[in-house]
Protein backbone atom coordinates (compact mmCIF):
# COMPACT_ATOMS: atom_id res chain seq x y z
CA UNK A 1 0.00 0.00 0.00
CA UNK A 2 1.48 3.33 -1.06
CA UNK A 3 1.72 6.09 1.51
CA UNK A 4 -0.68 8.92 0.85
CA UNK A 5 1.05 12.30 0.87
CA UNK A 6 -0.43 14.98 3.12
CA UNK A 7 -0.75 17.32 0.13
CA UNK A 8 -0.61 16.97 -3.60
CA UNK A 9 1.57 20.02 -4.19
CA UNK A 10 4.02 18.07 -6.34
CA UNK A 11 1.31 17.17 -8.86
CA UNK A 12 0.37 19.54 -11.69
CA UNK A 13 -3.07 20.45 -10.36
CA UNK A 14 -4.84 23.77 -10.59
CA UNK A 15 -5.93 25.50 -7.41
CA UNK A 16 -9.56 24.48 -7.89
CA UNK A 17 -8.50 20.84 -8.40
CA UNK A 18 -6.35 20.90 -5.25
CA UNK A 19 -9.22 22.36 -3.26
CA UNK A 20 -11.57 19.72 -4.68
CA UNK A 21 -9.15 16.97 -3.62
CA UNK A 22 -8.92 18.41 -0.12
CA UNK A 23 -12.72 18.67 0.13
CA UNK A 24 -13.04 15.05 -0.96
CA UNK A 25 -10.44 13.89 1.55
CA UNK A 26 -12.09 15.87 4.35
CA UNK A 27 -15.52 14.46 3.43
CA UNK A 28 -14.07 10.96 3.64
CA UNK A 29 -12.64 11.73 7.08
CA UNK A 30 -15.96 13.19 8.27
CA UNK A 31 -17.74 10.04 7.14
CA UNK A 32 -15.25 7.87 9.03
CA UNK A 33 -15.78 9.97 12.15
CA UNK A 34 -19.55 9.55 11.79
CA UNK A 35 -19.10 5.76 11.68
CA UNK A 36 -16.86 6.00 14.75
CA UNK A 37 -19.35 8.17 16.63
CA UNK A 38 -22.24 5.84 15.80
CA UNK A 39 -20.25 2.75 16.78
CA UNK A 40 -19.20 4.24 20.11
CA UNK A 41 -22.81 5.27 20.80
CA UNK A 42 -24.01 1.71 20.11
CA UNK A 43 -21.38 0.22 22.42
CA UNK A 44 -22.22 2.71 25.20
CA UNK A 45 -25.94 2.03 24.74
CA UNK A 46 -25.28 -1.70 24.97
CA UNK A 47 -23.32 -1.39 28.20
CA UNK A 48 -25.94 0.98 29.60
CA UNK A 49 -28.76 -1.47 28.91
CA UNK A 50 -26.78 -4.29 30.52
CA UNK A 51 -25.88 -2.27 33.63
CA UNK A 52 -29.11 -0.37 34.30
CA UNK A 53 -31.78 -2.93 33.41
CA UNK A 54 -31.97 -6.42 34.80
CA UNK A 55 -34.73 -7.81 32.61
CA UNK A 56 -33.44 -10.40 30.16
CA UNK A 57 -34.75 -8.68 27.05
CA UNK A 58 -32.78 -5.51 27.79
CA UNK A 59 -29.65 -7.46 28.67
CA UNK A 60 -29.81 -9.38 25.39
CA UNK A 61 -30.45 -6.22 23.40
CA UNK A 62 -27.40 -4.69 25.11
CA UNK A 63 -25.34 -7.78 24.35
CA UNK A 64 -26.39 -7.44 20.70
CA UNK A 65 -25.59 -3.73 20.50
CA UNK A 66 -21.97 -4.11 21.64
CA UNK A 67 -20.73 -6.27 18.73
CA UNK A 68 -22.89 -4.21 16.36
CA UNK A 69 -21.09 -1.06 17.50
CA UNK A 70 -17.67 -2.69 17.21
CA UNK A 71 -18.59 -3.91 13.73
CA UNK A 72 -19.69 -0.38 12.81
CA UNK A 73 -16.32 1.02 13.91
CA UNK A 74 -14.30 -1.63 12.05
CA UNK A 75 -16.47 -1.42 8.93
CA UNK A 76 -16.28 2.38 8.89
CA UNK A 77 -12.50 2.31 9.18
CA UNK A 78 -12.21 -0.26 6.38
CA UNK A 79 -14.49 1.86 4.18
CA UNK A 80 -12.37 4.94 5.00
CA UNK A 81 -9.15 3.15 4.00
CA UNK A 82 -10.67 1.87 0.76
CA UNK A 83 -12.01 5.29 -0.24
CA UNK A 84 -8.73 6.97 0.71
CA UNK A 85 -6.82 4.62 -1.59
CA UNK A 86 -9.30 5.23 -4.42
CA UNK A 87 -9.06 8.99 -4.01
CA UNK A 88 -5.27 8.83 -4.02
CA UNK A 89 -5.21 6.58 -7.09
CA UNK A 90 -7.64 8.85 -8.96
CA UNK A 91 -5.61 11.96 -8.16
CA UNK A 92 -2.24 10.44 -9.06
CA UNK A 93 -3.56 8.71 -12.18
CA UNK A 94 -5.82 11.57 -13.19
CA UNK A 95 -9.03 11.17 -15.14
CA UNK A 96 -9.14 8.32 -17.59
CA UNK A 97 -8.27 9.63 -21.08
CA UNK A 98 -11.49 8.30 -22.60
CA UNK A 99 -13.70 9.31 -19.68
CA UNK A 100 -15.75 12.48 -20.18
CA UNK A 101 -15.10 15.14 -17.54
CA UNK A 102 -18.65 14.81 -16.15
CA UNK A 103 -17.94 11.20 -15.10
CA UNK A 104 -14.76 11.87 -13.09
CA UNK A 105 -16.46 12.74 -9.76
CA UNK A 106 -18.84 9.74 -9.77
CA UNK A 107 -15.90 7.46 -10.63
CA UNK A 108 -13.93 8.78 -7.64
CA UNK A 109 -16.98 8.37 -5.41
CA UNK A 110 -17.36 4.75 -6.51
CA UNK A 111 -20.67 5.26 -8.27
CA UNK A 112 -19.37 4.46 -11.75
C-alpha atoms as a PDB file:
ATOM      1  CA  UNK A   1       0.000   0.000   0.000  1.00  0.00           C
ATOM      2  CA  UNK A   2       1.476   3.333  -1.056  1.00  0.00           C
ATOM      3  CA  UNK A   3       1.719   6.087   1.511  1.00  0.00           C
ATOM      4  CA  UNK A   4      -0.679   8.922   0.854  1.00  0.00           C
ATOM      5  CA  UNK A   5       1.049  12.304   0.866  1.00  0.00           C
ATOM      6  CA  UNK A   6      -0.429  14.982   3.117  1.00  0.00           C
ATOM      7  CA  UNK A   7      -0.755  17.320   0.134  1.00  0.00           C
ATOM      8  CA  UNK A   8      -0.606  16.968  -3.600  1.00  0.00           C
ATOM      9  CA  UNK A   9       1.566  20.024  -4.186  1.00  0.00           C
ATOM     10  CA  UNK A  10       4.021  18.069  -6.343  1.00  0.00           C
ATOM     11  CA  UNK A  11       1.307  17.166  -8.863  1.00  0.00           C
ATOM     12  CA  UNK A  12       0.374  19.539 -11.688  1.00  0.00           C
ATOM     13  CA  UNK A  13      -3.075  20.453 -10.364  1.00  0.00           C
ATOM     14  CA  UNK A  14      -4.841  23.772 -10.587  1.00  0.00           C
ATOM     15  CA  UNK A  15      -5.930  25.502  -7.412  1.00  0.00           C
ATOM     16  CA  UNK A  16      -9.558  24.478  -7.892  1.00  0.00           C
ATOM     17  CA  UNK A  17      -8.501  20.841  -8.396  1.00  0.00           C
ATOM     18  CA  UNK A  18      -6.345  20.899  -5.249  1.00  0.00           C
ATOM     19  CA  UNK A  19      -9.215  22.358  -3.259  1.00  0.00           C
ATOM     20  CA  UNK A  20     -11.568  19.718  -4.676  1.00  0.00           C
ATOM     21  CA  UNK A  21      -9.152  16.967  -3.622  1.00  0.00           C
ATOM     22  CA  UNK A  22      -8.917  18.410  -0.115  1.00  0.00           C
ATOM     23  CA  UNK A  23     -12.725  18.671   0.129  1.00  0.00           C
ATOM     24  CA  UNK A  24     -13.037  15.054  -0.964  1.00  0.00           C
ATOM     25  CA  UNK A  25     -10.438  13.890   1.554  1.00  0.00           C
ATOM     26  CA  UNK A  26     -12.095  15.868   4.347  1.00  0.00           C
ATOM     27  CA  UNK A  27     -15.521  14.463   3.430  1.00  0.00           C
ATOM     28  CA  UNK A  28     -14.074  10.959   3.636  1.00  0.00           C
ATOM     29  CA  UNK A  29     -12.636  11.725   7.077  1.00  0.00           C
ATOM     30  CA  UNK A  30     -15.958  13.186   8.267  1.00  0.00           C
ATOM     31  CA  UNK A  31     -17.743  10.042   7.140  1.00  0.00           C
ATOM     32  CA  UNK A  32     -15.253   7.871   9.026  1.00  0.00           C
ATOM     33  CA  UNK A  33     -15.782   9.971  12.147  1.00  0.00           C
ATOM     34  CA  UNK A  34     -19.554   9.551  11.788  1.00  0.00           C
ATOM     35  CA  UNK A  35     -19.096   5.762  11.682  1.00  0.00           C
ATOM     36  CA  UNK A  36     -16.861   5.995  14.754  1.00  0.00           C
ATOM     37  CA  UNK A  37     -19.346   8.173  16.632  1.00  0.00           C
ATOM     38  CA  UNK A  38     -22.239   5.836  15.803  1.00  0.00           C
ATOM     39  CA  UNK A  39     -20.248   2.746  16.779  1.00  0.00           C
ATOM     40  CA  UNK A  40     -19.204   4.237  20.113  1.00  0.00           C
ATOM     41  CA  UNK A  41     -22.810   5.273  20.804  1.00  0.00           C
ATOM     42  CA  UNK A  42     -24.005   1.710  20.114  1.00  0.00           C
ATOM     43  CA  UNK A  43     -21.375   0.224  22.425  1.00  0.00           C
ATOM     44  CA  UNK A  44     -22.225   2.708  25.196  1.00  0.00           C
ATOM     45  CA  UNK A  45     -25.939   2.033  24.740  1.00  0.00           C
ATOM     46  CA  UNK A  46     -25.281  -1.701  24.966  1.00  0.00           C
ATOM     47  CA  UNK A  47     -23.320  -1.388  28.196  1.00  0.00           C
ATOM     48  CA  UNK A  48     -25.943   0.983  29.598  1.00  0.00           C
ATOM     49  CA  UNK A  49     -28.758  -1.475  28.911  1.00  0.00           C
ATOM     50  CA  UNK A  50     -26.776  -4.288  30.519  1.00  0.00           C
ATOM     51  CA  UNK A  51     -25.884  -2.268  33.626  1.00  0.00           C
ATOM     52  CA  UNK A  52     -29.113  -0.373  34.298  1.00  0.00           C
ATOM     53  CA  UNK A  53     -31.779  -2.934  33.406  1.00  0.00           C
ATOM     54  CA  UNK A  54     -31.968  -6.424  34.803  1.00  0.00           C
ATOM     55  CA  UNK A  55     -34.726  -7.812  32.608  1.00  0.00           C
ATOM     56  CA  UNK A  56     -33.437 -10.397  30.163  1.00  0.00           C
ATOM     57  CA  UNK A  57     -34.746  -8.679  27.052  1.00  0.00           C
ATOM     58  CA  UNK A  58     -32.779  -5.508  27.793  1.00  0.00           C
ATOM     59  CA  UNK A  59     -29.653  -7.458  28.673  1.00  0.00           C
ATOM     60  CA  UNK A  60     -29.807  -9.380  25.393  1.00  0.00           C
ATOM     61  CA  UNK A  61     -30.446  -6.225  23.403  1.00  0.00           C
ATOM     62  CA  UNK A  62     -27.402  -4.691  25.114  1.00  0.00           C
ATOM     63  CA  UNK A  63     -25.336  -7.783  24.354  1.00  0.00           C
ATOM     64  CA  UNK A  64     -26.385  -7.437  20.704  1.00  0.00           C
ATOM     65  CA  UNK A  65     -25.586  -3.734  20.500  1.00  0.00           C
ATOM     66  CA  UNK A  66     -21.973  -4.110  21.640  1.00  0.00           C
ATOM     67  CA  UNK A  67     -20.731  -6.270  18.727  1.00  0.00           C
ATOM     68  CA  UNK A  68     -22.893  -4.215  16.358  1.00  0.00           C
ATOM     69  CA  UNK A  69     -21.092  -1.057  17.496  1.00  0.00           C
ATOM     70  CA  UNK A  70     -17.668  -2.689  17.214  1.00  0.00           C
ATOM     71  CA  UNK A  71     -18.586  -3.907  13.731  1.00  0.00           C
ATOM     72  CA  UNK A  72     -19.685  -0.381  12.806  1.00  0.00           C
ATOM     73  CA  UNK A  73     -16.321   1.019  13.913  1.00  0.00           C
ATOM     74  CA  UNK A  74     -14.301  -1.634  12.052  1.00  0.00           C
ATOM     75  CA  UNK A  75     -16.474  -1.415   8.934  1.00  0.00           C
ATOM     76  CA  UNK A  76     -16.283   2.378   8.890  1.00  0.00           C
ATOM     77  CA  UNK A  77     -12.502   2.310   9.181  1.00  0.00           C
ATOM     78  CA  UNK A  78     -12.209  -0.262   6.384  1.00  0.00           C
ATOM     79  CA  UNK A  79     -14.488   1.865   4.182  1.00  0.00           C
ATOM     80  CA  UNK A  80     -12.374   4.939   5.004  1.00  0.00           C
ATOM     81  CA  UNK A  81      -9.154   3.149   4.000  1.00  0.00           C
ATOM     82  CA  UNK A  82     -10.671   1.865   0.761  1.00  0.00           C
ATOM     83  CA  UNK A  83     -12.011   5.293  -0.242  1.00  0.00           C
ATOM     84  CA  UNK A  84      -8.726   6.969   0.714  1.00  0.00           C
ATOM     85  CA  UNK A  85      -6.817   4.625  -1.588  1.00  0.00           C
ATOM     86  CA  UNK A  86      -9.299   5.227  -4.419  1.00  0.00           C
ATOM     87  CA  UNK A  87      -9.063   8.993  -4.007  1.00  0.00           C
ATOM     88  CA  UNK A  88      -5.272   8.827  -4.017  1.00  0.00           C
ATOM     89  CA  UNK A  89      -5.210   6.577  -7.094  1.00  0.00           C
ATOM     90  CA  UNK A  90      -7.640   8.848  -8.956  1.00  0.00           C
ATOM     91  CA  UNK A  91      -5.606  11.964  -8.157  1.00  0.00           C
ATOM     92  CA  UNK A  92      -2.244  10.439  -9.058  1.00  0.00           C
ATOM     93  CA  UNK A  93      -3.562   8.706 -12.179  1.00  0.00           C
ATOM     94  CA  UNK A  94      -5.818  11.569 -13.193  1.00  0.00           C
ATOM     95  CA  UNK A  95      -9.034  11.174 -15.137  1.00  0.00           C
ATOM     96  CA  UNK A  96      -9.145   8.316 -17.591  1.00  0.00           C
ATOM     97  CA  UNK A  97      -8.271   9.633 -21.080  1.00  0.00           C
ATOM     98  CA  UNK A  98     -11.488   8.297 -22.604  1.00  0.00           C
ATOM     99  CA  UNK A  99     -13.700   9.312 -19.685  1.00  0.00           C
ATOM    100  CA  UNK A 100     -15.753  12.479 -20.176  1.00  0.00           C
ATOM    101  CA  UNK A 101     -15.098  15.135 -17.540  1.00  0.00           C
ATOM    102  CA  UNK A 102     -18.650  14.806 -16.147  1.00  0.00           C
ATOM    103  CA  UNK A 103     -17.941  11.198 -15.097  1.00  0.00           C
ATOM    104  CA  UNK A 104     -14.762  11.873 -13.091  1.00  0.00           C
ATOM    105  CA  UNK A 105     -16.458  12.743  -9.762  1.00  0.00           C
ATOM    106  CA  UNK A 106     -18.836   9.735  -9.773  1.00  0.00           C
ATOM    107  CA  UNK A 107     -15.898   7.464 -10.633  1.00  0.00           C
ATOM    108  CA  UNK A 108     -13.934   8.776  -7.642  1.00  0.00           C
ATOM    109  CA  UNK A 109     -16.982   8.366  -5.406  1.00  0.00           C
ATOM    110  CA  UNK A 110     -17.361   4.747  -6.513  1.00  0.00           C
ATOM    111  CA  UNK A 111     -20.666   5.257  -8.270  1.00  0.00           C
ATOM    112  CA  UNK A 112     -19.366   4.456 -11.753  1.00  0.00           C
END
